[in-house]
């Protein structure tokens, strides 16, 4: 997702980048709870048959699913904020707050699109200044990167 605001009178702007979320945390927990219920019913049936070894593996299976969904949810809340002022470009990355921050002088910073080395991968949107590069929106899909490039061109070449 690419969200932007820009004030052409002051030259200030902001672009917020977030990955697409396929499901909410509440939906993921509903899926885990329903699968845990089914696994509990099946393992209880086998437990009553005397096959007690199935129960711990059923529980580990649900815990593994929960851990994978948690890791996916954590990677889906990452955010990049690109702030433009008349003389600076500030890029902040983080999950719930800015964990990393980069500051570039606006007149020296160059933003460009680089073709990916591997076919089928989306292009990379990169900001470069004084020999240092930073990829913007590495988690975005192809359509979102195209929207990002359009918004960057609108802000930079106003």
C-alpha atoms as a PDB file:
ATOM      1  CA  UNK A   1       0.000   0.000   0.000  1.00  0.00           C
ATOM      2  CA  UNK A   2       1.287   3.440  -0.939  1.00  0.00           C
ATOM      3  CA  UNK A   3      -0.239   6.499   0.727  1.00  0.00           C
ATOM      4  CA  UNK A   4       0.979  10.018   0.027  1.00  0.00           C
ATOM      5  CA  UNK A   5       0.334  13.656   0.826  1.00  0.00           C
ATOM      6  CA  UNK A   6       2.114  16.602  -0.748  1.00  0.00           C
ATOM      7  CA  UNK A   7       1.801  20.348  -0.364  1.00  0.00           C
ATOM      8  CA  UNK A   8       3.195  22.020  -3.525  1.00  0.00           C
ATOM      9  CA  UNK A   9       3.209  25.447  -1.874  1.00  0.00           C
ATOM     10  CA  UNK A  10       5.642  24.479   0.896  1.00  0.00           C
ATOM     11  CA  UNK A  11       7.427  21.567  -0.815  1.00  0.00           C
ATOM     12  CA  UNK A  12       6.646  19.295   2.135  1.00  0.00           C
ATOM     13  CA  UNK A  13       5.334  15.811   1.538  1.00  0.00           C
ATOM     14  CA  UNK A  14       5.079  12.350   2.984  1.00  0.00           C
ATOM     15  CA  UNK A  15       4.807   8.874   1.479  1.00  0.00           C
ATOM     16  CA  UNK A  16       3.867   5.916   3.697  1.00  0.00           C
ATOM     17  CA  UNK A  17       4.667   2.404   2.461  1.00  0.00           C
ATOM     18  CA  UNK A  18       3.138  -0.731   3.942  1.00  0.00           C
ATOM     19  CA  UNK A  19       2.984  -4.312   2.640  1.00  0.00           C
ATOM     20  CA  UNK A  20      -0.335  -5.785   1.559  1.00  0.00           C
ATOM     21  CA  UNK A  21      -1.967  -7.793   4.327  1.00  0.00           C
ATOM     22  CA  UNK A  22      -3.894 -10.800   3.109  1.00  0.00           C
ATOM     23  CA  UNK A  23      -5.600 -11.380   6.453  1.00  0.00           C
ATOM     24  CA  UNK A  24      -6.062  -9.646   9.777  1.00  0.00           C
ATOM     25  CA  UNK A  25      -4.645 -10.982  13.032  1.00  0.00           C
ATOM     26  CA  UNK A  26      -8.172 -11.746  14.242  1.00  0.00           C
ATOM     27  CA  UNK A  27      -8.857 -13.876  11.135  1.00  0.00           C
ATOM     28  CA  UNK A  28      -5.555 -15.728  11.596  1.00  0.00           C
ATOM     29  CA  UNK A  29      -6.457 -16.511  15.217  1.00  0.00           C
ATOM     30  CA  UNK A  30      -9.886 -17.761  14.102  1.00  0.00           C
ATOM     31  CA  UNK A  31      -8.197 -20.138  11.644  1.00  0.00           C
ATOM     32  CA  UNK A  32      -5.757 -21.356  14.310  1.00  0.00           C
ATOM     33  CA  UNK A  33      -8.572 -21.843  16.855  1.00  0.00           C
ATOM     34  CA  UNK A  34     -10.695 -23.834  14.402  1.00  0.00           C
ATOM     35  CA  UNK A  35      -7.742 -26.010  13.390  1.00  0.00           C
ATOM     36  CA  UNK A  36      -6.811 -26.505  17.053  1.00  0.00           C
ATOM     37  CA  UNK A  37     -10.376 -27.618  17.786  1.00  0.00           C
ATOM     38  CA  UNK A  38     -10.322 -30.105  14.912  1.00  0.00           C
ATOM     39  CA  UNK A  39      -6.872 -31.389  15.947  1.00  0.00           C
ATOM     40  CA  UNK A  40      -8.071 -31.754  19.552  1.00  0.00           C
ATOM     41  CA  UNK A  41     -11.132 -33.724  18.497  1.00  0.00           C
ATOM     42  CA  UNK A  42      -9.077 -36.041  16.290  1.00  0.00           C
ATOM     43  CA  UNK A  43      -6.335 -36.567  18.891  1.00  0.00           C
ATOM     44  CA  UNK A  44      -8.978 -37.205  21.587  1.00  0.00           C
ATOM     45  CA  UNK A  45     -10.533 -39.893  19.406  1.00  0.00           C
ATOM     46  CA  UNK A  46      -7.164 -41.583  18.969  1.00  0.00           C
ATOM     47  CA  UNK A  47      -6.363 -41.075  22.664  1.00  0.00           C
ATOM     48  CA  UNK A  48      -9.534 -43.007  23.563  1.00  0.00           C
ATOM     49  CA  UNK A  49      -8.356 -45.768  21.208  1.00  0.00           C
ATOM     50  CA  UNK A  50      -5.132 -46.036  23.211  1.00  0.00           C
ATOM     51  CA  UNK A  51      -2.915 -44.209  20.708  1.00  0.00           C
ATOM     52  CA  UNK A  52      -1.692 -41.517  23.108  1.00  0.00           C
ATOM     53  CA  UNK A  53       1.384 -40.549  21.055  1.00  0.00           C
ATOM     54  CA  UNK A  54      -0.737 -38.643  18.529  1.00  0.00           C
ATOM     55  CA  UNK A  55      -1.828 -35.975  21.069  1.00  0.00           C
ATOM     56  CA  UNK A  56       1.563 -34.272  21.626  1.00  0.00           C
ATOM     57  CA  UNK A  57       2.320 -34.136  17.897  1.00  0.00           C
ATOM     58  CA  UNK A  58      -1.095 -32.661  17.240  1.00  0.00           C
ATOM     59  CA  UNK A  59      -0.361 -29.922  19.763  1.00  0.00           C
ATOM     60  CA  UNK A  60       3.074 -29.268  18.262  1.00  0.00           C
ATOM     61  CA  UNK A  61       1.481 -28.978  14.823  1.00  0.00           C
ATOM     62  CA  UNK A  62      -0.896 -26.256  16.044  1.00  0.00           C
ATOM     63  CA  UNK A  63       1.965 -24.435  17.824  1.00  0.00           C
ATOM     64  CA  UNK A  64       4.072 -24.538  14.638  1.00  0.00           C
ATOM     65  CA  UNK A  65       1.181 -23.050  12.657  1.00  0.00           C
ATOM     66  CA  UNK A  66       0.731 -20.340  15.280  1.00  0.00           C
ATOM     67  CA  UNK A  67       4.456 -19.491  15.191  1.00  0.00           C
ATOM     68  CA  UNK A  68       4.461 -19.241  11.383  1.00  0.00           C
ATOM     69  CA  UNK A  69       1.403 -16.978  11.357  1.00  0.00           C
ATOM     70  CA  UNK A  70       2.981 -14.795  14.041  1.00  0.00           C
ATOM     71  CA  UNK A  71       6.175 -14.383  12.014  1.00  0.00           C
ATOM     72  CA  UNK A  72       4.168 -13.532   8.882  1.00  0.00           C
ATOM     73  CA  UNK A  73       2.099 -10.993  10.800  1.00  0.00           C
ATOM     74  CA  UNK A  74       5.265  -9.394  12.210  1.00  0.00           C
ATOM     75  CA  UNK A  75       6.744  -8.987   8.739  1.00  0.00           C
ATOM     76  CA  UNK A  76       3.468  -7.495   7.464  1.00  0.00           C
ATOM     77  CA  UNK A  77       3.437  -4.611   9.943  1.00  0.00           C
ATOM     78  CA  UNK A  78       6.709  -3.105   8.780  1.00  0.00           C
ATOM     79  CA  UNK A  79       6.394   0.448   7.518  1.00  0.00           C
ATOM     80  CA  UNK A  80       8.544   2.908   5.610  1.00  0.00           C
ATOM     81  CA  UNK A  81       7.888   6.633   5.805  1.00  0.00           C
ATOM     82  CA  UNK A  82       9.492   8.983   3.283  1.00  0.00           C
ATOM     83  CA  UNK A  83       9.324  12.634   4.345  1.00  0.00           C
ATOM     84  CA  UNK A  84      10.117  15.459   1.951  1.00  0.00           C
ATOM     85  CA  UNK A  85      10.940  19.013   2.912  1.00  0.00           C
ATOM     86  CA  UNK A  86      12.380  21.708   0.647  1.00  0.00           C
ATOM     87  CA  UNK A  87      15.929  20.799   1.699  1.00  0.00           C
ATOM     88  CA  UNK A  88      15.775  17.237   3.135  1.00  0.00           C
ATOM     89  CA  UNK A  89      14.540  13.732   2.406  1.00  0.00           C
ATOM     90  CA  UNK A  90      14.093  11.628   5.562  1.00  0.00           C
ATOM     91  CA  UNK A  91      13.412   7.894   5.367  1.00  0.00           C
ATOM     92  CA  UNK A  92      12.250   6.003   8.440  1.00  0.00           C
ATOM     93  CA  UNK A  93      11.788   2.245   8.704  1.00  0.00           C
ATOM     94  CA  UNK A  94      10.226   0.269  11.518  1.00  0.00           C
ATOM     95  CA  UNK A  95       7.252  -1.659  12.790  1.00  0.00           C
ATOM     96  CA  UNK A  96       5.431   0.343  15.463  1.00  0.00           C
ATOM     97  CA  UNK A  97       7.939   3.216  15.589  1.00  0.00           C
ATOM     98  CA  UNK A  98      10.925   4.406  13.558  1.00  0.00           C
ATOM     99  CA  UNK A  99      13.625   1.828  14.271  1.00  0.00           C
ATOM    100  CA  UNK A 100      16.018   3.135  11.580  1.00  0.00           C
ATOM    101  CA  UNK A 101      16.284   6.552  10.005  1.00  0.00           C
ATOM    102  CA  UNK A 102      18.257   8.021   7.095  1.00  0.00           C
ATOM    103  CA  UNK A 103      18.523  11.670   6.159  1.00  0.00           C
ATOM    104  CA  UNK A 104      19.547  12.935   2.717  1.00  0.00           C
ATOM    105  CA  UNK A 105      20.003  16.443   1.410  1.00  0.00           C
ATOM    106  CA  UNK A 106      17.251  16.843  -1.185  1.00  0.00           C
ATOM    107  CA  UNK A 107      19.374  18.474  -3.872  1.00  0.00           C
ATOM    108  CA  UNK A 108      22.028  15.723  -3.666  1.00  0.00           C
ATOM    109  CA  UNK A 109      19.694  12.750  -3.356  1.00  0.00           C
ATOM    110  CA  UNK A 110      18.808  10.897  -6.554  1.00  0.00           C
ATOM    111  CA  UNK A 111      15.906   8.471  -6.682  1.00  0.00           C
ATOM    112  CA  UNK A 112      15.902   5.988  -9.526  1.00  0.00           C
ATOM    113  CA  UNK A 113      14.503   2.646 -10.635  1.00  0.00           C
ATOM    114  CA  UNK A 114      16.958  -0.189 -11.160  1.00  0.00           C
ATOM    115  CA  UNK A 115      16.081  -3.376 -13.004  1.00  0.00           C
ATOM    116  CA  UNK A 116      16.383  -6.449 -10.812  1.00  0.00           C
ATOM    117  CA  UNK A 117      19.168  -8.878 -11.675  1.00  0.00           C
ATOM    118  CA  UNK A 118      16.794 -11.830 -11.745  1.00  0.00           C
ATOM    119  CA  UNK A 119      13.964 -12.077 -14.209  1.00  0.00           C
ATOM    120  CA  UNK A 120      10.477 -12.069 -12.728  1.00  0.00           C
ATOM    121  CA  UNK A 121      11.433  -9.966  -9.711  1.00  0.00           C
ATOM    122  CA  UNK A 122      10.062  -6.424  -9.432  1.00  0.00           C
ATOM    123  CA  UNK A 123      12.327  -3.470 -10.141  1.00  0.00           C
ATOM    124  CA  UNK A 124      14.090  -1.791  -7.230  1.00  0.00           C
ATOM    125  CA  UNK A 125      13.357   1.805  -6.252  1.00  0.00           C
ATOM    126  CA  UNK A 126      16.591   3.220  -4.847  1.00  0.00           C
ATOM    127  CA  UNK A 127      17.680   6.513  -3.315  1.00  0.00           C
ATOM    128  CA  UNK A 128      21.365   7.368  -3.661  1.00  0.00           C
ATOM    129  CA  UNK A 129      23.466  10.146  -2.213  1.00  0.00           C
ATOM    130  CA  UNK A 130      27.224  10.430  -1.712  1.00  0.00           C
ATOM    131  CA  UNK A 131      27.813   6.814  -2.775  1.00  0.00           C
ATOM    132  CA  UNK A 132      25.311   5.324  -0.329  1.00  0.00           C
ATOM    133  CA  UNK A 133      22.181   3.547  -1.541  1.00  0.00           C
ATOM    134  CA  UNK A 134      18.948   2.543   0.137  1.00  0.00           C
ATOM    135  CA  UNK A 135      16.172   0.500  -1.441  1.00  0.00           C
ATOM    136  CA  UNK A 136      12.704   1.927  -0.879  1.00  0.00           C
ATOM    137  CA  UNK A 137       9.700  -0.357  -0.451  1.00  0.00           C
ATOM    138  CA  UNK A 138      11.531  -3.663  -0.812  1.00  0.00           C
ATOM    139  CA  UNK A 139       8.378  -5.419   0.446  1.00  0.00           C
ATOM    140  CA  UNK A 140       6.060  -3.849  -2.154  1.00  0.00           C
ATOM    141  CA  UNK A 141       4.641  -5.767  -5.089  1.00  0.00           C
ATOM    142  CA  UNK A 142       5.048  -4.663  -8.720  1.00  0.00           C
ATOM    143  CA  UNK A 143       1.872  -2.545  -8.870  1.00  0.00           C
ATOM    144  CA  UNK A 144       2.645  -0.777  -5.590  1.00  0.00           C
ATOM    145  CA  UNK A 145       6.210  -0.040  -6.745  1.00  0.00           C
ATOM    146  CA  UNK A 146       4.829   1.503  -9.936  1.00  0.00           C
ATOM    147  CA  UNK A 147       2.490   3.671  -7.835  1.00  0.00           C
ATOM    148  CA  UNK A 148       5.455   4.642  -5.638  1.00  0.00           C
ATOM    149  CA  UNK A 149       7.493   5.701  -8.676  1.00  0.00           C
ATOM    150  CA  UNK A 150       4.591   7.816  -9.985  1.00  0.00           C
ATOM    151  CA  UNK A 151       4.179   9.552  -6.630  1.00  0.00           C
ATOM    152  CA  UNK A 152       7.916  10.124  -6.278  1.00  0.00           C
ATOM    153  CA  UNK A 153       8.041  11.686  -9.757  1.00  0.00           C
ATOM    154  CA  UNK A 154       5.075  13.876  -8.886  1.00  0.00           C
ATOM    155  CA  UNK A 155       6.794  15.132  -5.726  1.00  0.00           C
ATOM    156  CA  UNK A 156      10.326  15.481  -7.086  1.00  0.00           C
ATOM    157  CA  UNK A 157       9.552  16.952 -10.497  1.00  0.00           C
ATOM    158  CA  UNK A 158       6.824  19.341  -9.360  1.00  0.00           C
END
